[in-house]
């Protein structure tokens, strides 16, 4: 099986390429995924808010990390959904299971935001 021609890059070339692939991925997610756009806007509101709320440094870090975790999980879920759709668009119980589990992961990350923010602010 043939490897990617970019796999052999090392050093700063690899870091530079990885940065551009990451920016392309963020752009694709923002353009094509409604949920990702909503969560980005939620992060744009919540992250600065976390910095101004009366919480310890660790509390603020936990609040921000919980929001960023939602973004990370949504990116993984979007990649999973795109891969499943690439394989086949026809209805299959395993495809549904994969997508539902990815969606559940995002839901759990969102519940985590509520729990962390609640505990930091009111606990």
N, C-alpha and C. Protein backbone atom coordinates (compact mmCIF):
# COMPACT_ATOMS: atom_id res chain seq x y z
N UNK A 1 0.84 -1.17 0.00
CA UNK A 1 0.00 0.00 0.00
C UNK A 1 0.89 1.24 0.00
N UNK A 2 0.51 2.21 -0.79
CA UNK A 2 1.32 3.41 -0.96
C UNK A 2 1.03 4.44 0.13
N UNK A 3 2.09 5.03 0.67
CA UNK A 3 1.97 6.08 1.69
C UNK A 3 1.83 7.44 1.02
N UNK A 4 1.37 8.39 1.79
CA UNK A 4 1.26 9.76 1.31
C UNK A 4 2.65 10.30 0.99
N UNK A 5 2.80 11.06 -0.11
CA UNK A 5 4.11 11.64 -0.42
C UNK A 5 4.54 12.70 0.60
N UNK A 6 3.62 13.17 1.42
CA UNK A 6 3.94 14.18 2.42
C UNK A 6 4.40 13.54 3.74
N UNK A 7 4.27 12.21 3.82
CA UNK A 7 4.58 11.51 5.06
C UNK A 7 6.05 11.63 5.44
N UNK A 8 6.95 11.75 4.44
CA UNK A 8 8.37 11.78 4.72
C UNK A 8 8.91 13.14 5.11
N UNK A 9 8.09 14.16 5.09
CA UNK A 9 8.54 15.50 5.46
C UNK A 9 8.88 15.53 6.94
N UNK A 10 9.93 16.25 7.28
CA UNK A 10 10.34 16.35 8.68
C UNK A 10 10.65 17.80 9.01
N UNK A 11 10.88 18.05 10.28
CA UNK A 11 11.29 19.37 10.72
C UNK A 11 10.26 20.44 10.47
N UNK A 12 10.76 21.63 10.12
CA UNK A 12 9.88 22.77 9.93
C UNK A 12 8.94 22.60 8.74
N UNK A 13 9.37 21.85 7.73
CA UNK A 13 8.50 21.61 6.57
C UNK A 13 7.26 20.85 7.01
N UNK A 14 7.43 19.84 7.85
CA UNK A 14 6.30 19.07 8.34
C UNK A 14 5.38 19.94 9.19
N UNK A 15 5.97 20.76 10.06
CA UNK A 15 5.17 21.64 10.92
C UNK A 15 4.39 22.64 10.07
N UNK A 16 5.05 23.21 9.07
CA UNK A 16 4.40 24.18 8.17
C UNK A 16 3.24 23.53 7.43
N UNK A 17 3.48 22.33 6.87
CA UNK A 17 2.43 21.62 6.15
C UNK A 17 1.27 21.28 7.09
N UNK A 18 1.59 20.79 8.29
CA UNK A 18 0.55 20.43 9.25
C UNK A 18 -0.29 21.65 9.62
N UNK A 19 0.35 22.80 9.78
CA UNK A 19 -0.38 24.02 10.09
C UNK A 19 -1.39 24.34 8.98
N UNK A 20 -0.94 24.25 7.72
CA UNK A 20 -1.84 24.55 6.60
C UNK A 20 -2.97 23.54 6.48
N UNK A 21 -2.68 22.26 6.73
CA UNK A 21 -3.75 21.25 6.70
C UNK A 21 -4.76 21.52 7.81
N UNK A 22 -4.27 21.93 8.97
CA UNK A 22 -5.16 22.23 10.08
C UNK A 22 -6.05 23.42 9.77
N UNK A 23 -5.47 24.47 9.18
CA UNK A 23 -6.27 25.64 8.81
C UNK A 23 -7.30 25.28 7.74
N UNK A 24 -6.92 24.42 6.80
CA UNK A 24 -7.87 23.97 5.77
C UNK A 24 -9.00 23.17 6.42
N UNK A 25 -8.68 22.35 7.41
CA UNK A 25 -9.70 21.58 8.11
C UNK A 25 -10.65 22.46 8.89
N UNK A 26 -10.11 23.46 9.59
CA UNK A 26 -10.97 24.39 10.31
C UNK A 26 -11.88 25.16 9.35
N UNK A 27 -11.31 25.58 8.23
CA UNK A 27 -12.11 26.30 7.23
C UNK A 27 -13.20 25.43 6.65
N UNK A 28 -12.87 24.19 6.33
CA UNK A 28 -13.87 23.26 5.77
C UNK A 28 -14.97 22.99 6.78
N UNK A 29 -14.60 22.81 8.04
CA UNK A 29 -15.61 22.56 9.07
C UNK A 29 -16.52 23.78 9.21
N UNK A 30 -15.94 24.97 9.22
CA UNK A 30 -16.75 26.18 9.38
C UNK A 30 -17.69 26.38 8.17
N UNK A 31 -17.18 26.14 6.98
CA UNK A 31 -18.01 26.32 5.77
C UNK A 31 -19.11 25.28 5.65
N UNK A 32 -18.83 24.04 6.05
CA UNK A 32 -19.73 22.93 5.73
C UNK A 32 -20.53 22.37 6.89
N UNK A 33 -20.21 22.73 8.10
CA UNK A 33 -20.87 22.12 9.26
C UNK A 33 -21.58 23.18 10.10
N UNK A 34 -22.91 23.16 10.06
CA UNK A 34 -23.71 24.13 10.82
C UNK A 34 -23.42 24.04 12.32
N UNK A 35 -23.35 22.84 12.85
CA UNK A 35 -23.11 22.67 14.29
C UNK A 35 -21.76 23.25 14.68
N UNK A 36 -20.75 23.05 13.85
CA UNK A 36 -19.43 23.60 14.15
C UNK A 36 -19.48 25.12 14.20
N UNK A 37 -20.17 25.73 13.22
CA UNK A 37 -20.30 27.20 13.22
C UNK A 37 -20.98 27.68 14.50
N UNK A 38 -22.05 27.00 14.92
CA UNK A 38 -22.76 27.40 16.14
C UNK A 38 -21.85 27.28 17.36
N UNK A 39 -21.07 26.22 17.41
CA UNK A 39 -20.19 26.02 18.56
C UNK A 39 -19.02 27.00 18.56
N UNK A 40 -18.56 27.39 17.38
CA UNK A 40 -17.52 28.42 17.31
C UNK A 40 -18.06 29.73 17.85
N UNK A 41 -19.27 30.10 17.46
CA UNK A 41 -19.85 31.35 17.96
C UNK A 41 -20.12 31.27 19.47
N UNK A 42 -20.50 30.09 19.93
CA UNK A 42 -20.65 29.91 21.38
C UNK A 42 -19.31 30.12 22.07
N UNK A 43 -18.24 29.59 21.49
CA UNK A 43 -16.90 29.76 22.07
C UNK A 43 -16.47 31.22 22.04
N UNK A 44 -16.82 31.93 20.97
CA UNK A 44 -16.46 33.35 20.86
C UNK A 44 -17.11 34.16 21.98
N UNK A 45 -18.28 33.73 22.42
CA UNK A 45 -18.95 34.41 23.54
C UNK A 45 -18.42 33.90 24.88
N UNK A 46 -18.33 32.59 25.04
CA UNK A 46 -18.01 32.02 26.35
C UNK A 46 -16.56 32.19 26.78
N UNK A 47 -15.62 32.11 25.86
CA UNK A 47 -14.21 32.20 26.26
C UNK A 47 -13.88 33.58 26.84
N UNK A 48 -14.24 34.68 26.18
CA UNK A 48 -13.99 35.98 26.83
C UNK A 48 -14.79 36.14 28.13
N UNK A 49 -16.02 35.61 28.15
CA UNK A 49 -16.82 35.69 29.36
C UNK A 49 -16.12 34.99 30.52
N UNK A 50 -15.52 33.84 30.25
CA UNK A 50 -14.80 33.10 31.29
C UNK A 50 -13.67 33.93 31.87
N UNK A 51 -13.04 34.73 31.05
CA UNK A 51 -11.92 35.55 31.52
C UNK A 51 -12.38 36.68 32.45
N UNK A 52 -13.62 37.12 32.29
CA UNK A 52 -14.11 38.25 33.09
C UNK A 52 -14.93 37.83 34.31
N UNK A 53 -15.34 36.57 34.36
CA UNK A 53 -16.14 36.12 35.50
C UNK A 53 -15.26 35.93 36.73
N UNK A 54 -15.85 36.07 37.91
CA UNK A 54 -15.07 35.91 39.15
C UNK A 54 -14.78 34.44 39.44
N UNK A 55 -13.69 33.95 38.93
CA UNK A 55 -13.27 32.57 39.16
C UNK A 55 -11.76 32.57 39.30
N UNK A 56 -11.24 31.53 39.92
CA UNK A 56 -9.78 31.40 40.05
C UNK A 56 -9.17 31.14 38.68
N UNK A 57 -7.88 31.23 38.62
CA UNK A 57 -7.19 30.93 37.36
C UNK A 57 -7.48 29.52 36.88
N UNK A 58 -7.48 28.57 37.81
CA UNK A 58 -7.78 27.18 37.45
C UNK A 58 -9.23 27.06 36.99
N UNK A 59 -10.12 27.76 37.67
CA UNK A 59 -11.53 27.75 37.26
C UNK A 59 -11.71 28.28 35.85
N UNK A 60 -11.05 29.40 35.57
CA UNK A 60 -11.13 29.98 34.22
C UNK A 60 -10.56 29.01 33.18
N UNK A 61 -9.44 28.38 33.53
CA UNK A 61 -8.82 27.42 32.61
C UNK A 61 -9.76 26.25 32.35
N UNK A 62 -10.41 25.75 33.39
CA UNK A 62 -11.36 24.65 33.21
C UNK A 62 -12.55 25.07 32.36
N UNK A 63 -13.04 26.28 32.57
CA UNK A 63 -14.18 26.77 31.79
C UNK A 63 -13.81 26.87 30.31
N UNK A 64 -12.64 27.43 30.04
CA UNK A 64 -12.19 27.57 28.65
C UNK A 64 -11.91 26.20 28.03
N UNK A 65 -11.26 25.33 28.79
CA UNK A 65 -10.95 23.98 28.27
C UNK A 65 -12.22 23.21 27.94
N UNK A 66 -13.25 23.37 28.76
CA UNK A 66 -14.50 22.65 28.49
C UNK A 66 -15.13 23.12 27.18
N UNK A 67 -15.03 24.41 26.90
CA UNK A 67 -15.56 24.95 25.64
C UNK A 67 -14.73 24.44 24.45
N UNK A 68 -13.41 24.48 24.61
CA UNK A 68 -12.54 24.01 23.53
C UNK A 68 -12.73 22.51 23.27
N UNK A 69 -13.05 21.76 24.33
CA UNK A 69 -13.31 20.33 24.15
C UNK A 69 -14.50 20.10 23.23
N UNK A 70 -15.52 20.93 23.33
CA UNK A 70 -16.68 20.82 22.42
C UNK A 70 -16.22 21.00 20.98
N UNK A 71 -15.37 21.98 20.72
CA UNK A 71 -14.86 22.23 19.37
C UNK A 71 -14.09 21.02 18.88
N UNK A 72 -13.23 20.47 19.73
CA UNK A 72 -12.42 19.30 19.35
C UNK A 72 -13.31 18.11 19.02
N UNK A 73 -14.26 17.82 19.89
CA UNK A 73 -15.14 16.67 19.67
C UNK A 73 -15.99 16.88 18.42
N UNK A 74 -16.45 18.10 18.19
CA UNK A 74 -17.23 18.38 16.97
C UNK A 74 -16.40 18.17 15.71
N UNK A 75 -15.13 18.58 15.75
CA UNK A 75 -14.26 18.35 14.59
C UNK A 75 -14.09 16.85 14.32
N UNK A 76 -13.88 16.07 15.37
CA UNK A 76 -13.75 14.62 15.19
C UNK A 76 -15.06 14.03 14.68
N UNK A 77 -16.19 14.47 15.24
CA UNK A 77 -17.49 13.99 14.79
C UNK A 77 -17.73 14.35 13.32
N UNK A 78 -17.39 15.55 12.93
CA UNK A 78 -17.58 15.97 11.53
C UNK A 78 -16.71 15.13 10.59
N UNK A 79 -15.48 14.84 11.01
CA UNK A 79 -14.62 13.98 10.21
C UNK A 79 -15.18 12.57 10.09
N UNK A 80 -15.71 12.06 11.18
CA UNK A 80 -16.33 10.74 11.17
C UNK A 80 -17.53 10.71 10.22
N UNK A 81 -18.38 11.72 10.32
CA UNK A 81 -19.56 11.78 9.46
C UNK A 81 -19.16 11.88 7.99
N UNK A 82 -18.16 12.69 7.68
CA UNK A 82 -17.71 12.82 6.29
C UNK A 82 -17.15 11.49 5.77
N UNK A 83 -16.43 10.78 6.62
CA UNK A 83 -15.88 9.48 6.22
C UNK A 83 -16.99 8.48 5.97
N UNK A 84 -17.97 8.43 6.86
CA UNK A 84 -19.10 7.51 6.68
C UNK A 84 -19.83 7.84 5.39
N UNK A 85 -20.08 9.12 5.14
CA UNK A 85 -20.77 9.53 3.92
C UNK A 85 -19.94 9.23 2.68
N UNK A 86 -18.63 9.31 2.78
CA UNK A 86 -17.74 9.01 1.65
C UNK A 86 -17.84 7.54 1.27
N UNK A 87 -17.99 6.69 2.30
CA UNK A 87 -18.07 5.25 2.05
C UNK A 87 -19.38 4.92 1.36
N UNK A 88 -20.49 5.47 1.86
CA UNK A 88 -21.79 5.21 1.24
C UNK A 88 -22.83 6.17 1.80
N UNK A 89 -23.70 6.63 0.93
CA UNK A 89 -24.79 7.50 1.37
C UNK A 89 -26.06 6.70 1.65
N UNK A 90 -26.06 5.40 1.33
CA UNK A 90 -27.26 4.61 1.59
C UNK A 90 -27.39 4.32 3.09
N UNK A 91 -28.63 4.13 3.51
CA UNK A 91 -28.90 3.90 4.93
C UNK A 91 -28.37 2.53 5.35
N UNK A 92 -27.60 2.52 6.40
CA UNK A 92 -27.08 1.28 6.96
C UNK A 92 -27.04 1.44 8.47
N UNK A 93 -27.41 0.39 9.20
CA UNK A 93 -27.49 0.51 10.66
C UNK A 93 -26.13 0.81 11.30
N UNK A 94 -25.03 0.35 10.71
CA UNK A 94 -23.72 0.65 11.28
C UNK A 94 -23.31 2.10 11.02
N UNK A 95 -23.69 2.62 9.85
CA UNK A 95 -23.42 4.04 9.56
C UNK A 95 -24.21 4.91 10.54
N UNK A 96 -25.48 4.55 10.76
CA UNK A 96 -26.30 5.30 11.72
C UNK A 96 -25.70 5.22 13.11
N UNK A 97 -25.25 4.03 13.50
CA UNK A 97 -24.65 3.87 14.83
C UNK A 97 -23.42 4.76 14.97
N UNK A 98 -22.55 4.75 13.96
CA UNK A 98 -21.34 5.57 14.02
C UNK A 98 -21.68 7.05 14.16
N UNK A 99 -22.63 7.52 13.35
CA UNK A 99 -23.01 8.93 13.41
C UNK A 99 -23.69 9.28 14.73
N UNK A 100 -24.55 8.38 15.22
CA UNK A 100 -25.22 8.62 16.50
C UNK A 100 -24.22 8.67 17.66
N UNK A 101 -23.23 7.80 17.62
CA UNK A 101 -22.23 7.78 18.69
C UNK A 101 -21.39 9.07 18.63
N UNK A 102 -21.04 9.51 17.43
CA UNK A 102 -20.32 10.78 17.30
C UNK A 102 -21.14 11.94 17.83
N UNK A 103 -22.43 11.93 17.53
CA UNK A 103 -23.32 12.98 18.02
C UNK A 103 -23.43 12.91 19.55
N UNK A 104 -23.48 11.71 20.09
CA UNK A 104 -23.53 11.55 21.54
C UNK A 104 -22.27 12.11 22.20
N UNK A 105 -21.12 11.93 21.56
CA UNK A 105 -19.87 12.47 22.10
C UNK A 105 -19.94 13.99 22.19
N UNK A 106 -20.48 14.63 21.17
CA UNK A 106 -20.64 16.09 21.20
C UNK A 106 -21.60 16.49 22.32
N UNK A 107 -22.69 15.74 22.45
CA UNK A 107 -23.66 16.02 23.52
C UNK A 107 -23.01 15.93 24.90
N UNK A 108 -22.22 14.90 25.12
CA UNK A 108 -21.54 14.73 26.41
C UNK A 108 -20.58 15.89 26.65
N UNK A 109 -19.88 16.33 25.61
CA UNK A 109 -18.98 17.48 25.75
C UNK A 109 -19.76 18.74 26.12
N UNK A 110 -20.94 18.91 25.55
CA UNK A 110 -21.77 20.08 25.89
C UNK A 110 -22.29 19.99 27.33
N UNK A 111 -22.68 18.80 27.75
CA UNK A 111 -23.09 18.61 29.15
C UNK A 111 -21.92 18.93 30.07
N UNK A 112 -20.73 18.55 29.66
CA UNK A 112 -19.52 18.85 30.43
C UNK A 112 -19.34 20.36 30.60
N UNK A 113 -19.61 21.14 29.56
CA UNK A 113 -19.52 22.60 29.66
C UNK A 113 -20.45 23.10 30.75
N UNK A 114 -21.68 22.65 30.71
CA UNK A 114 -22.67 23.09 31.71
C UNK A 114 -22.21 22.69 33.12
N UNK A 115 -21.73 21.46 33.26
CA UNK A 115 -21.29 20.99 34.57
C UNK A 115 -20.09 21.78 35.08
N UNK A 116 -19.09 21.97 34.24
CA UNK A 116 -17.88 22.69 34.65
C UNK A 116 -18.22 24.13 34.99
N UNK A 117 -18.94 24.80 34.12
CA UNK A 117 -19.28 26.20 34.39
C UNK A 117 -20.13 26.32 35.66
N UNK A 118 -21.08 25.40 35.84
CA UNK A 118 -21.91 25.43 37.03
C UNK A 118 -21.10 25.22 38.30
N UNK A 119 -20.20 24.26 38.27
CA UNK A 119 -19.38 23.98 39.46
C UNK A 119 -18.41 25.11 39.76
N UNK A 120 -17.81 25.68 38.71
CA UNK A 120 -16.87 26.78 38.95
C UNK A 120 -17.59 28.02 39.48
N UNK A 121 -18.73 28.32 38.90
CA UNK A 121 -19.42 29.56 39.28
C UNK A 121 -20.29 29.43 40.53
N UNK A 122 -20.86 28.24 40.77
CA UNK A 122 -21.83 28.11 41.87
C UNK A 122 -21.46 27.03 42.88
N UNK A 123 -20.35 26.30 42.61
CA UNK A 123 -19.99 25.17 43.49
C UNK A 123 -19.19 25.54 44.68
